C-alpha atoms as a PDB file:
ATOM      1  CA  MET A   1      91.233  79.042 110.055  1.00  0.00           C
ATOM      2  CA  PRO A   2      93.316  81.561 112.034  1.00  0.00           C
ATOM      3  CA  ALA A   3      91.935  85.044 112.474  1.00  0.00           C
ATOM      4  CA  LYS A   4      93.673  87.866 110.644  1.00  0.00           C
ATOM      5  CA  LYS A   5      95.924  90.000 112.777  1.00  0.00           C
ATOM      6  CA  LYS A   6      94.834  93.627 112.995  1.00  0.00           C
ATOM      7  CA  SER A   7      97.591  96.181 112.611  1.00  0.00           C
ATOM      8  CA  SER A   8      97.774  98.588 115.495  1.00  0.00           C
ATOM      9  CA  GLY A   9      98.298 102.270 114.888  1.00  0.00           C
ATOM     10  CA  THR A  10      98.622 104.254 111.708  1.00  0.00           C
ATOM     11  CA  LYS A  11     100.869 103.309 108.822  1.00  0.00           C
ATOM     12  CA  TYR A  12     101.707 106.851 107.749  1.00  0.00           C
ATOM     13  CA  SER A  13     102.303 109.889 109.935  1.00  0.00           C
ATOM     14  CA  ALA A  14     100.575 113.218 109.404  1.00  0.00           C
ATOM     15  CA  GLY A  15     103.886 114.639 108.167  1.00  0.00           C
ATOM     16  CA  ALA A  16     104.090 111.961 105.488  1.00  0.00           C
ATOM     17  CA  SER A  17     100.583 112.674 104.220  1.00  0.00           C
ATOM     18  CA  LYS A  18     101.333 116.423 104.140  1.00  0.00           C
ATOM     19  CA  LYS A  19     104.437 115.730 102.054  1.00  0.00           C
ATOM     20  CA  VAL A  20     102.479 113.566  99.598  1.00  0.00           C
ATOM     21  CA  GLU A  21      99.768 116.237  99.434  1.00  0.00           C
ATOM     22  CA  LYS A  22     102.376 118.889  98.559  1.00  0.00           C
ATOM     23  CA  VAL A  23     103.932 116.696  95.869  1.00  0.00           C
ATOM     24  CA  MET A  24     100.519 115.944  94.346  1.00  0.00           C
ATOM     25  CA  ARG A  25      99.826 119.690  94.108  1.00  0.00           C
ATOM     26  CA  GLU A  26     103.170 120.125  92.317  1.00  0.00           C
ATOM     27  CA  LYS A  27     102.271 117.299  89.924  1.00  0.00           C
ATOM     28  CA  ASN A  28      98.889 118.810  89.143  1.00  0.00           C
ATOM     29  CA  SER A  29     100.411 122.214  88.456  1.00  0.00           C
ATOM     30  CA  GLY A  30     103.038 120.573  86.225  1.00  0.00           C
ATOM     31  CA  THR A  31     106.112 121.602  88.235  1.00  0.00           C
ATOM     32  CA  LEU A  32     107.043 118.205  89.705  1.00  0.00           C
ATOM     33  CA  LYS A  33     110.266 116.891  88.191  1.00  0.00           C
ATOM     34  CA  SER A  34     111.863 113.459  88.475  1.00  0.00           C
ATOM     35  CA  GLY A  35     114.997 113.293  90.596  1.00  0.00           C
ATOM     36  CA  ARG A  36     117.573 111.861  88.221  1.00  0.00           C
ATOM     37  CA  SER A  37     116.459 112.743  84.737  1.00  0.00           C
ATOM     38  CA  GLY A  38     114.642 115.950  85.622  1.00  0.00           C
ATOM     39  CA  LYS A  39     111.712 115.006  83.392  1.00  0.00           C
ATOM     40  CA  LYS A  40     108.194 116.151  84.252  1.00  0.00           C
ATOM     41  CA  VAL A  41     106.289 113.572  86.308  1.00  0.00           C
ATOM     42  CA  THR A  42     102.887 112.656  84.853  1.00  0.00           C
ATOM     43  CA  SER A  43     102.125 109.429  86.723  1.00  0.00           C
ATOM     44  CA  ARG A  44     100.037 109.624  89.911  1.00  0.00           C
ATOM     45  CA  LYS A  45     101.788 106.580  91.375  1.00  0.00           C
ATOM     46  CA  GLN A  46     105.221 108.032  90.688  1.00  0.00           C
ATOM     47  CA  ALA A  47     104.230 111.308  92.363  1.00  0.00           C
ATOM     48  CA  ILE A  48     103.078 109.436  95.482  1.00  0.00           C
ATOM     49  CA  ALA A  49     106.323 107.436  95.521  1.00  0.00           C
ATOM     50  CA  ILE A  50     108.344 110.660  95.334  1.00  0.00           C
ATOM     51  CA  GLY A  51     106.335 112.153  98.210  1.00  0.00           C
ATOM     52  CA  LEU A  52     106.792 109.091 100.407  1.00  0.00           C
ATOM     53  CA  SER A  53     110.491 108.993  99.600  1.00  0.00           C
ATOM     54  CA  GLU A  54     110.888 112.639 100.623  1.00  0.00           C
ATOM     55  CA  ALA A  55     108.916 112.006 103.817  1.00  0.00           C
ATOM     56  CA  ARG A  56     111.108 108.990 104.593  1.00  0.00           C
ATOM     57  CA  LYS A  57     114.244 111.124 104.180  1.00  0.00           C
ATOM     58  CA  ALA A  58     112.734 113.787 106.455  1.00  0.00           C
ATOM     59  CA  GLY A  59     112.207 111.154 109.150  1.00  0.00           C
ATOM     60  CA  ALA A  60     108.407 110.851 108.991  1.00  0.00           C
ATOM     61  CA  LYS A  61     106.709 107.574 109.894  1.00  0.00           C
ATOM     62  CA  VAL A  62     106.491 105.676 106.599  1.00  0.00           C
ATOM     63  CA  PRO A  63     106.664 101.894 106.104  1.00  0.00           C
ATOM     64  CA  ALA A  64     109.875 100.586 104.553  1.00  0.00           C
ATOM     65  CA  LYS A  65     110.096 100.356 100.776  1.00  0.00           C
ATOM     66  CA  LYS A  66     108.848  97.083  99.334  1.00  0.00           C
ATOM     67  CA  SER A  67     111.873  95.376  97.832  1.00  0.00           C
ATOM     68  CA  ALA A  68     111.522  93.357  94.652  1.00  0.00           C
ATOM     69  CA  ALA A  69     110.457  89.792  95.260  1.00  0.00           C
ATOM     70  CA  LYS A  70     113.481  87.552  95.255  1.00  0.00           C
ATOM     71  CA  LYS A  71     113.381  84.933  92.559  1.00  0.00           C
ATOM     72  CA  SER A  72     114.086  81.409  93.661  1.00  0.00           C
ATOM     73  CA  SER A  73     116.829  79.889  91.625  1.00  0.00           C
ATOM     74  CA  ALA A  74     115.614  77.607  88.859  1.00  0.00           C
ATOM     75  CA  LYS A  75     118.381  75.118  89.483  1.00  0.00           C
ATOM     76  CA  LYS A  76     118.191  73.444  92.827  1.00  0.00           C
ATOM     77  CA  SER A  77     120.776  70.947  93.913  1.00  0.00           C
ATOM     78  CA  SER A  78     119.241  67.534  94.465  1.00  0.00           C
END
């Protein structure tokens, strides 16, 4: 059984965690709004996603967004 590879370094930069921290404070005070619809954000996960997205736009070290898993086509040519 092969040994698991350890990741080197940090996944998120200090700037990214500061941005998420700021967004979480906004969420808790009830001032955080969703980008498109402008509705109030109540979900913790959504608030974190918004913070990471803002950090990514600002150029902080954040891993790339996880894209939706691609579905393999049901019909395969035989």
